[in-house]
Amino acid sequence: MMTLDQVVVFHEIVRLGSFKAAAAELNKTQPAISFAIKKLEEEMNAELFDRSGYRPVLTPHGKMFFEKSTRLIQGMEELENQTQSFKNQE
């Protein structure tokens, strides 16, 4: 089953342009980042990144997943902001 952590990892790779940069940003090891994406790709039965070049590039499946999952990430950010506003009202 897909996890929110896998989606966040995926988005950080896209945003930062590399597995290594995503690992540093998320305070995870590069193998942990690679494993999260590998598991996500296995669950989807589709490659999300073309890794043949120097930088990972989104495949057509990756582009579609990015577009759809962006709404999830935005929703989570909205929930976090709402939670913060609750804390500020106390």
N, C-alpha and C. Protein backbone atom coordinates (compact mmCIF):
# COMPACT_ATOMS: atom_id res chain seq x y z
N MET A 1 0.84 -1.19 0.00
CA MET A 1 0.00 0.00 0.00
C MET A 1 0.88 1.25 0.00
N MET A 2 0.54 2.18 -0.83
CA MET A 2 1.28 3.43 -0.94
C MET A 2 1.19 4.19 0.37
N THR A 3 2.30 4.86 0.74
CA THR A 3 2.30 5.65 1.97
C THR A 3 2.51 7.13 1.64
N LEU A 4 2.10 7.97 2.57
CA LEU A 4 2.33 9.40 2.41
C LEU A 4 3.82 9.69 2.34
N ASP A 5 4.61 8.97 3.11
CA ASP A 5 6.06 9.16 3.09
C ASP A 5 6.62 8.93 1.69
N GLN A 6 6.15 7.90 1.01
CA GLN A 6 6.63 7.63 -0.35
C GLN A 6 6.27 8.78 -1.29
N VAL A 7 5.08 9.33 -1.13
CA VAL A 7 4.66 10.44 -1.99
C VAL A 7 5.50 11.68 -1.70
N VAL A 8 5.77 11.93 -0.44
CA VAL A 8 6.62 13.07 -0.07
C VAL A 8 8.02 12.89 -0.65
N VAL A 9 8.57 11.70 -0.53
CA VAL A 9 9.90 11.42 -1.10
C VAL A 9 9.88 11.67 -2.60
N PHE A 10 8.89 11.16 -3.28
CA PHE A 10 8.74 11.35 -4.72
C PHE A 10 8.74 12.84 -5.07
N HIS A 11 7.94 13.62 -4.35
CA HIS A 11 7.85 15.05 -4.63
C HIS A 11 9.16 15.78 -4.35
N GLU A 12 9.87 15.38 -3.33
CA GLU A 12 11.15 16.02 -3.04
C GLU A 12 12.17 15.72 -4.13
N ILE A 13 12.15 14.52 -4.66
CA ILE A 13 13.06 14.19 -5.77
C ILE A 13 12.75 15.07 -6.97
N VAL A 14 11.46 15.20 -7.28
CA VAL A 14 11.06 16.03 -8.42
C VAL A 14 11.46 17.48 -8.16
N ARG A 15 11.17 17.98 -6.97
CA ARG A 15 11.44 19.39 -6.64
C ARG A 15 12.94 19.70 -6.67
N LEU A 16 13.73 18.80 -6.11
CA LEU A 16 15.16 19.07 -5.96
C LEU A 16 16.02 18.51 -7.10
N GLY A 17 15.47 17.60 -7.89
CA GLY A 17 16.17 17.11 -9.06
C GLY A 17 17.08 15.92 -8.86
N SER A 18 17.18 15.40 -7.63
CA SER A 18 18.02 14.23 -7.45
C SER A 18 17.63 13.47 -6.18
N PHE A 19 17.99 12.20 -6.19
CA PHE A 19 17.75 11.36 -5.02
C PHE A 19 18.62 11.83 -3.86
N LYS A 20 19.86 12.22 -4.18
CA LYS A 20 20.80 12.66 -3.15
C LYS A 20 20.31 13.93 -2.46
N ALA A 21 19.84 14.89 -3.22
CA ALA A 21 19.34 16.14 -2.64
C ALA A 21 18.09 15.89 -1.81
N ALA A 22 17.22 15.00 -2.28
CA ALA A 22 16.02 14.66 -1.51
C ALA A 22 16.40 14.00 -0.19
N ALA A 23 17.40 13.14 -0.23
CA ALA A 23 17.86 12.48 0.99
C ALA A 23 18.35 13.51 2.01
N ALA A 24 19.13 14.47 1.54
CA ALA A 24 19.65 15.50 2.44
C ALA A 24 18.51 16.35 3.00
N GLU A 25 17.57 16.72 2.17
CA GLU A 25 16.44 17.56 2.59
C GLU A 25 15.56 16.85 3.62
N LEU A 26 15.38 15.56 3.42
CA LEU A 26 14.48 14.78 4.30
C LEU A 26 15.22 14.12 5.47
N ASN A 27 16.53 14.37 5.56
CA ASN A 27 17.34 13.75 6.62
C ASN A 27 17.23 12.23 6.61
N LYS A 28 17.35 11.67 5.42
CA LYS A 28 17.32 10.22 5.23
C LYS A 28 18.56 9.83 4.44
N THR A 29 18.86 8.56 4.44
CA THR A 29 19.96 8.09 3.62
C THR A 29 19.50 7.96 2.17
N GLN A 30 20.45 8.04 1.26
CA GLN A 30 20.09 7.88 -0.14
C GLN A 30 19.51 6.49 -0.41
N PRO A 31 20.05 5.42 0.20
CA PRO A 31 19.41 4.11 0.00
C PRO A 31 17.95 4.07 0.49
N ALA A 32 17.65 4.79 1.56
CA ALA A 32 16.26 4.83 2.06
C ALA A 32 15.35 5.52 1.05
N ILE A 33 15.86 6.57 0.42
CA ILE A 33 15.09 7.28 -0.60
C ILE A 33 14.87 6.37 -1.82
N SER A 34 15.92 5.72 -2.25
CA SER A 34 15.82 4.81 -3.40
C SER A 34 14.86 3.67 -3.10
N PHE A 35 14.91 3.14 -1.89
CA PHE A 35 14.03 2.03 -1.51
C PHE A 35 12.57 2.49 -1.51
N ALA A 36 12.30 3.68 -0.99
CA ALA A 36 10.93 4.19 -0.96
C ALA A 36 10.36 4.30 -2.37
N ILE A 37 11.17 4.80 -3.29
CA ILE A 37 10.71 4.94 -4.67
C ILE A 37 10.58 3.58 -5.35
N LYS A 38 11.52 2.69 -5.07
CA LYS A 38 11.44 1.34 -5.64
C LYS A 38 10.14 0.66 -5.21
N LYS A 39 9.81 0.76 -3.93
CA LYS A 39 8.57 0.14 -3.42
C LYS A 39 7.34 0.79 -4.06
N LEU A 40 7.37 2.11 -4.20
CA LEU A 40 6.25 2.81 -4.82
C LEU A 40 6.08 2.36 -6.27
N GLU A 41 7.18 2.26 -6.99
CA GLU A 41 7.12 1.81 -8.38
C GLU A 41 6.63 0.37 -8.48
N GLU A 42 7.04 -0.47 -7.55
CA GLU A 42 6.58 -1.86 -7.54
C GLU A 42 5.08 -1.93 -7.30
N GLU A 43 4.59 -1.13 -6.36
CA GLU A 43 3.16 -1.13 -6.07
C GLU A 43 2.34 -0.63 -7.26
N MET A 44 2.91 0.34 -7.98
CA MET A 44 2.20 0.90 -9.13
C MET A 44 2.44 0.08 -10.40
N ASN A 45 3.44 -0.80 -10.36
CA ASN A 45 3.84 -1.58 -11.53
C ASN A 45 4.18 -0.66 -12.71
N ALA A 46 4.89 0.42 -12.37
CA ALA A 46 5.29 1.40 -13.38
C ALA A 46 6.51 2.16 -12.90
N GLU A 47 7.42 2.48 -13.81
CA GLU A 47 8.57 3.31 -13.46
C GLU A 47 8.14 4.76 -13.44
N LEU A 48 8.55 5.47 -12.39
CA LEU A 48 8.21 6.88 -12.26
C LEU A 48 9.34 7.77 -12.77
N PHE A 49 10.56 7.26 -12.70
CA PHE A 49 11.73 8.02 -13.14
C PHE A 49 12.52 7.23 -14.18
N ASP A 50 13.01 7.95 -15.17
CA ASP A 50 14.01 7.41 -16.08
C ASP A 50 15.35 7.75 -15.44
N ARG A 51 16.11 6.73 -15.08
CA ARG A 51 17.37 6.92 -14.38
C ARG A 51 18.58 6.73 -15.30
N SER A 52 18.35 6.76 -16.60
CA SER A 52 19.45 6.47 -17.54
C SER A 52 20.43 7.63 -17.68
N GLY A 53 20.01 8.84 -17.33
CA GLY A 53 20.89 9.99 -17.44
C GLY A 53 21.49 10.37 -16.10
N TYR A 54 22.13 11.52 -16.08
CA TYR A 54 22.76 12.01 -14.86
C TYR A 54 21.73 12.33 -13.79
N ARG A 55 20.63 12.94 -14.20
CA ARG A 55 19.55 13.30 -13.28
C ARG A 55 18.32 12.44 -13.58
N PRO A 56 17.55 12.09 -12.56
CA PRO A 56 16.32 11.35 -12.82
C PRO A 56 15.30 12.25 -13.53
N VAL A 57 14.63 11.69 -14.52
CA VAL A 57 13.63 12.42 -15.30
C VAL A 57 12.31 11.66 -15.18
N LEU A 58 11.24 12.41 -15.01
CA LEU A 58 9.93 11.76 -14.90
C LEU A 58 9.56 11.04 -16.20
N THR A 59 9.05 9.85 -16.05
CA THR A 59 8.48 9.11 -17.17
C THR A 59 7.06 9.64 -17.38
N PRO A 60 6.38 9.23 -18.44
CA PRO A 60 4.98 9.63 -18.58
C PRO A 60 4.13 9.22 -17.37
N HIS A 61 4.37 8.02 -16.83
CA HIS A 61 3.65 7.61 -15.62
C HIS A 61 4.01 8.52 -14.45
N GLY A 62 5.29 8.88 -14.36
CA GLY A 62 5.74 9.76 -13.29
C GLY A 62 5.10 11.13 -13.38
N LYS A 63 4.97 11.66 -14.59
CA LYS A 63 4.33 12.97 -14.78
C LYS A 63 2.88 12.92 -14.35
N MET A 64 2.18 11.87 -14.74
CA MET A 64 0.77 11.74 -14.37
C MET A 64 0.63 11.60 -12.84
N PHE A 65 1.50 10.79 -12.25
CA PHE A 65 1.46 10.60 -10.80
C PHE A 65 1.78 11.91 -10.08
N PHE A 66 2.73 12.66 -10.60
CA PHE A 66 3.09 13.94 -9.99
C PHE A 66 1.89 14.89 -10.01
N GLU A 67 1.23 14.98 -11.15
CA GLU A 67 0.07 15.88 -11.26
C GLU A 67 -1.03 15.49 -10.26
N LYS A 68 -1.33 14.20 -10.19
CA LYS A 68 -2.40 13.74 -9.29
C LYS A 68 -1.99 13.86 -7.82
N SER A 69 -0.76 13.52 -7.51
CA SER A 69 -0.34 13.52 -6.11
C SER A 69 -0.06 14.91 -5.58
N THR A 70 0.09 15.88 -6.48
CA THR A 70 0.29 17.27 -6.03
C THR A 70 -0.89 17.73 -5.20
N ARG A 71 -2.09 17.32 -5.57
CA ARG A 71 -3.28 17.69 -4.79
C ARG A 71 -3.22 17.13 -3.38
N LEU A 72 -2.68 15.92 -3.26
CA LEU A 72 -2.53 15.31 -1.94
C LEU A 72 -1.55 16.11 -1.08
N ILE A 73 -0.43 16.46 -1.67
CA ILE A 73 0.59 17.24 -0.95
C ILE A 73 0.01 18.60 -0.54
N GLN A 74 -0.70 19.25 -1.45
CA GLN A 74 -1.31 20.54 -1.12
C GLN A 74 -2.34 20.40 -0.01
N GLY A 75 -3.11 19.33 -0.05
CA GLY A 75 -4.10 19.08 1.01
C GLY A 75 -3.43 18.87 2.36
N MET A 76 -2.32 18.15 2.37
CA MET A 76 -1.59 17.93 3.62
C MET A 76 -1.04 19.25 4.16
N GLU A 77 -0.53 20.10 3.27
CA GLU A 77 -0.03 21.41 3.70
C GLU A 77 -1.15 22.25 4.28
N GLU A 78 -2.33 22.19 3.68
CA GLU A 78 -3.49 22.93 4.20
C GLU A 78 -3.87 22.42 5.59
N LEU A 79 -3.86 21.10 5.76
CA LEU A 79 -4.16 20.53 7.07
C LEU A 79 -3.14 20.96 8.12
N GLU A 80 -1.87 20.96 7.74
CA GLU A 80 -0.84 21.40 8.67
C GLU A 80 -1.02 22.86 9.05
N ASN A 81 -1.36 23.71 8.07
CA ASN A 81 -1.61 25.12 8.35
C ASN A 81 -2.82 25.29 9.27
N GLN A 82 -3.87 24.52 9.02
CA GLN A 82 -5.06 24.59 9.86
C GLN A 82 -4.74 24.16 11.29
N THR A 83 -3.96 23.12 11.43
CA THR A 83 -3.54 22.65 12.75
C THR A 83 -2.75 23.73 13.47
N GLN A 84 -1.87 24.41 12.75
CA GLN A 84 -1.08 25.49 13.34
C GLN A 84 -1.99 26.63 13.80
N SER A 85 -3.00 26.95 13.02
CA SER A 85 -3.91 28.03 13.42
C SER A 85 -4.70 27.65 14.66
N PHE A 86 -5.02 26.36 14.83
CA PHE A 86 -5.69 25.90 16.05
C PHE A 86 -4.78 26.12 17.25
N LYS A 87 -3.51 25.79 17.07
CA LYS A 87 -2.53 25.94 18.16
C LYS A 87 -2.38 27.41 18.55
N ASN A 88 -2.40 28.29 17.53
CA ASN A 88 -2.23 29.71 17.79
C ASN A 88 -3.42 30.33 18.50
N GLN A 89 -4.60 29.71 18.41
CA GLN A 89 -5.80 30.22 19.05
C GLN A 89 -5.87 29.87 20.52
N GLU A 90 -5.04 28.91 20.95
CA GLU A 90 -5.08 28.48 22.35
C GLU A 90 -4.43 29.47 23.26
